[in-house]
């Protein structure tokens, strides 16, 4: 059974996130992307503690598209090792799920 799927990732800036997100929507891999700018990060990388500014991103899709979304993000993402986390909600409002299904179905592409 197809379920809603949220994908969390980060990008170095809003323009990069929006550009990649638009491509994912056009390719019907996701129905929507929320970009949350102004995030400050502290992280371990190659044995060092780093600080930086990023944007947090939440992608909205369905479990049937998980593999395709993952591959597309890995291919298009500017980071060497992007954070890609899959979050499966317990459920969704029926209208929300119907919208997700409609927008990520190749059969309903224009």
Protein backbone atom coordinates (compact mmCIF):
# COMPACT_ATOMS: atom_id res chain seq x y z
CA UNK A 1 0.00 0.00 0.00
CA UNK A 2 1.30 3.41 -0.94
CA UNK A 3 1.91 5.69 2.01
CA UNK A 4 3.01 9.30 2.39
CA UNK A 5 6.74 9.88 2.60
CA UNK A 6 8.66 12.94 3.77
CA UNK A 7 12.29 13.35 2.77
CA UNK A 8 14.55 15.64 4.78
CA UNK A 9 17.72 17.05 3.28
CA UNK A 10 19.79 20.23 3.31
CA UNK A 11 21.28 22.42 0.59
CA UNK A 12 23.94 25.14 0.64
CA UNK A 13 21.49 27.86 -0.47
CA UNK A 14 17.90 28.59 -1.43
CA UNK A 15 18.53 28.92 -5.18
CA UNK A 16 20.14 25.48 -5.40
CA UNK A 17 17.36 23.92 -3.36
CA UNK A 18 14.61 25.52 -5.46
CA UNK A 19 16.27 24.58 -8.73
CA UNK A 20 16.66 20.92 -7.76
CA UNK A 21 13.20 20.87 -6.19
CA UNK A 22 11.57 22.24 -9.31
CA UNK A 23 13.21 19.48 -11.33
CA UNK A 24 11.93 16.84 -8.92
CA UNK A 25 8.39 18.25 -9.19
CA UNK A 26 8.60 18.42 -13.00
CA UNK A 27 9.80 14.80 -13.05
CA UNK A 28 6.80 13.89 -10.82
CA UNK A 29 9.09 12.41 -8.16
CA UNK A 30 7.71 14.74 -5.50
CA UNK A 31 4.50 16.72 -5.16
CA UNK A 32 5.97 19.58 -3.15
CA UNK A 33 9.10 20.92 -1.55
CA UNK A 34 9.36 23.25 1.45
CA UNK A 35 12.57 25.29 1.75
CA UNK A 36 13.40 26.65 5.18
CA UNK A 37 16.22 29.20 4.81
CA UNK A 38 18.46 30.63 7.47
CA UNK A 39 19.51 27.39 9.15
CA UNK A 40 22.87 27.35 10.88
CA UNK A 41 24.62 24.02 11.18
CA UNK A 42 27.38 22.57 13.32
CA UNK A 43 28.59 19.19 12.12
CA UNK A 44 31.49 16.77 12.12
CA UNK A 45 33.15 16.31 8.74
CA UNK A 46 36.45 14.58 7.95
CA UNK A 47 37.54 14.68 11.58
CA UNK A 48 36.83 18.38 12.04
CA UNK A 49 33.96 20.34 13.59
CA UNK A 50 32.48 22.63 10.97
CA UNK A 51 29.95 25.47 11.03
CA UNK A 52 27.93 26.69 8.12
CA UNK A 53 24.72 28.18 6.83
CA UNK A 54 22.32 25.95 4.94
CA UNK A 55 18.68 25.62 4.05
CA UNK A 56 16.59 22.76 5.40
CA UNK A 57 14.31 21.08 2.88
CA UNK A 58 11.29 18.81 3.27
CA UNK A 59 10.15 16.92 0.19
CA UNK A 60 6.64 15.46 0.05
CA UNK A 61 6.13 12.26 -1.93
CA UNK A 62 4.92 8.68 -1.56
CA UNK A 63 6.68 5.45 -0.59
CA UNK A 64 6.41 4.10 -4.16
CA UNK A 65 8.76 6.88 -5.32
CA UNK A 66 11.35 6.45 -2.54
CA UNK A 67 14.02 4.76 -4.66
CA UNK A 68 13.62 7.20 -7.54
CA UNK A 69 13.73 10.24 -5.24
CA UNK A 70 16.81 8.87 -3.50
CA UNK A 71 18.66 8.26 -6.78
CA UNK A 72 17.70 11.69 -8.16
CA UNK A 73 18.86 13.48 -5.01
CA UNK A 74 22.18 11.63 -4.98
CA UNK A 75 22.68 12.48 -8.66
CA UNK A 76 21.68 16.16 -8.49
CA UNK A 77 22.84 17.18 -5.01
CA UNK A 78 25.93 19.41 -4.81
CA UNK A 79 27.19 17.87 -1.54
CA UNK A 80 29.63 14.97 -1.63
CA UNK A 81 27.61 13.20 1.06
CA UNK A 82 24.16 14.77 1.33
CA UNK A 83 21.96 14.03 4.31
CA UNK A 84 18.89 12.20 3.00
CA UNK A 85 16.45 11.00 5.64
CA UNK A 86 13.19 9.21 4.90
CA UNK A 87 10.37 9.86 7.34
CA UNK A 88 7.20 7.78 7.07
CA UNK A 89 4.29 9.43 8.88
CA UNK A 90 1.69 7.23 10.55
CA UNK A 91 -0.80 8.42 7.98
CA UNK A 92 -2.16 11.41 6.15
CA UNK A 93 -5.38 13.24 5.62
CA UNK A 94 -7.14 11.36 2.79
CA UNK A 95 -7.21 14.45 0.56
CA UNK A 96 -3.50 15.04 1.14
CA UNK A 97 -2.67 11.45 0.25
CA UNK A 98 -4.84 11.65 -2.88
CA UNK A 99 -2.98 14.80 -3.94
CA UNK A 100 0.42 13.17 -3.31
CA UNK A 101 -0.60 10.14 -5.35
CA UNK A 102 -1.96 12.22 -8.21
CA UNK A 103 1.09 14.47 -8.43
CA UNK A 104 3.67 11.67 -8.28
CA UNK A 105 1.96 9.31 -10.69
CA UNK A 106 3.55 9.10 -14.12
CA UNK A 107 0.14 8.10 -15.51
CA UNK A 108 -1.33 11.51 -14.68
CA UNK A 109 1.53 13.51 -16.22
CA UNK A 110 0.37 16.27 -18.60
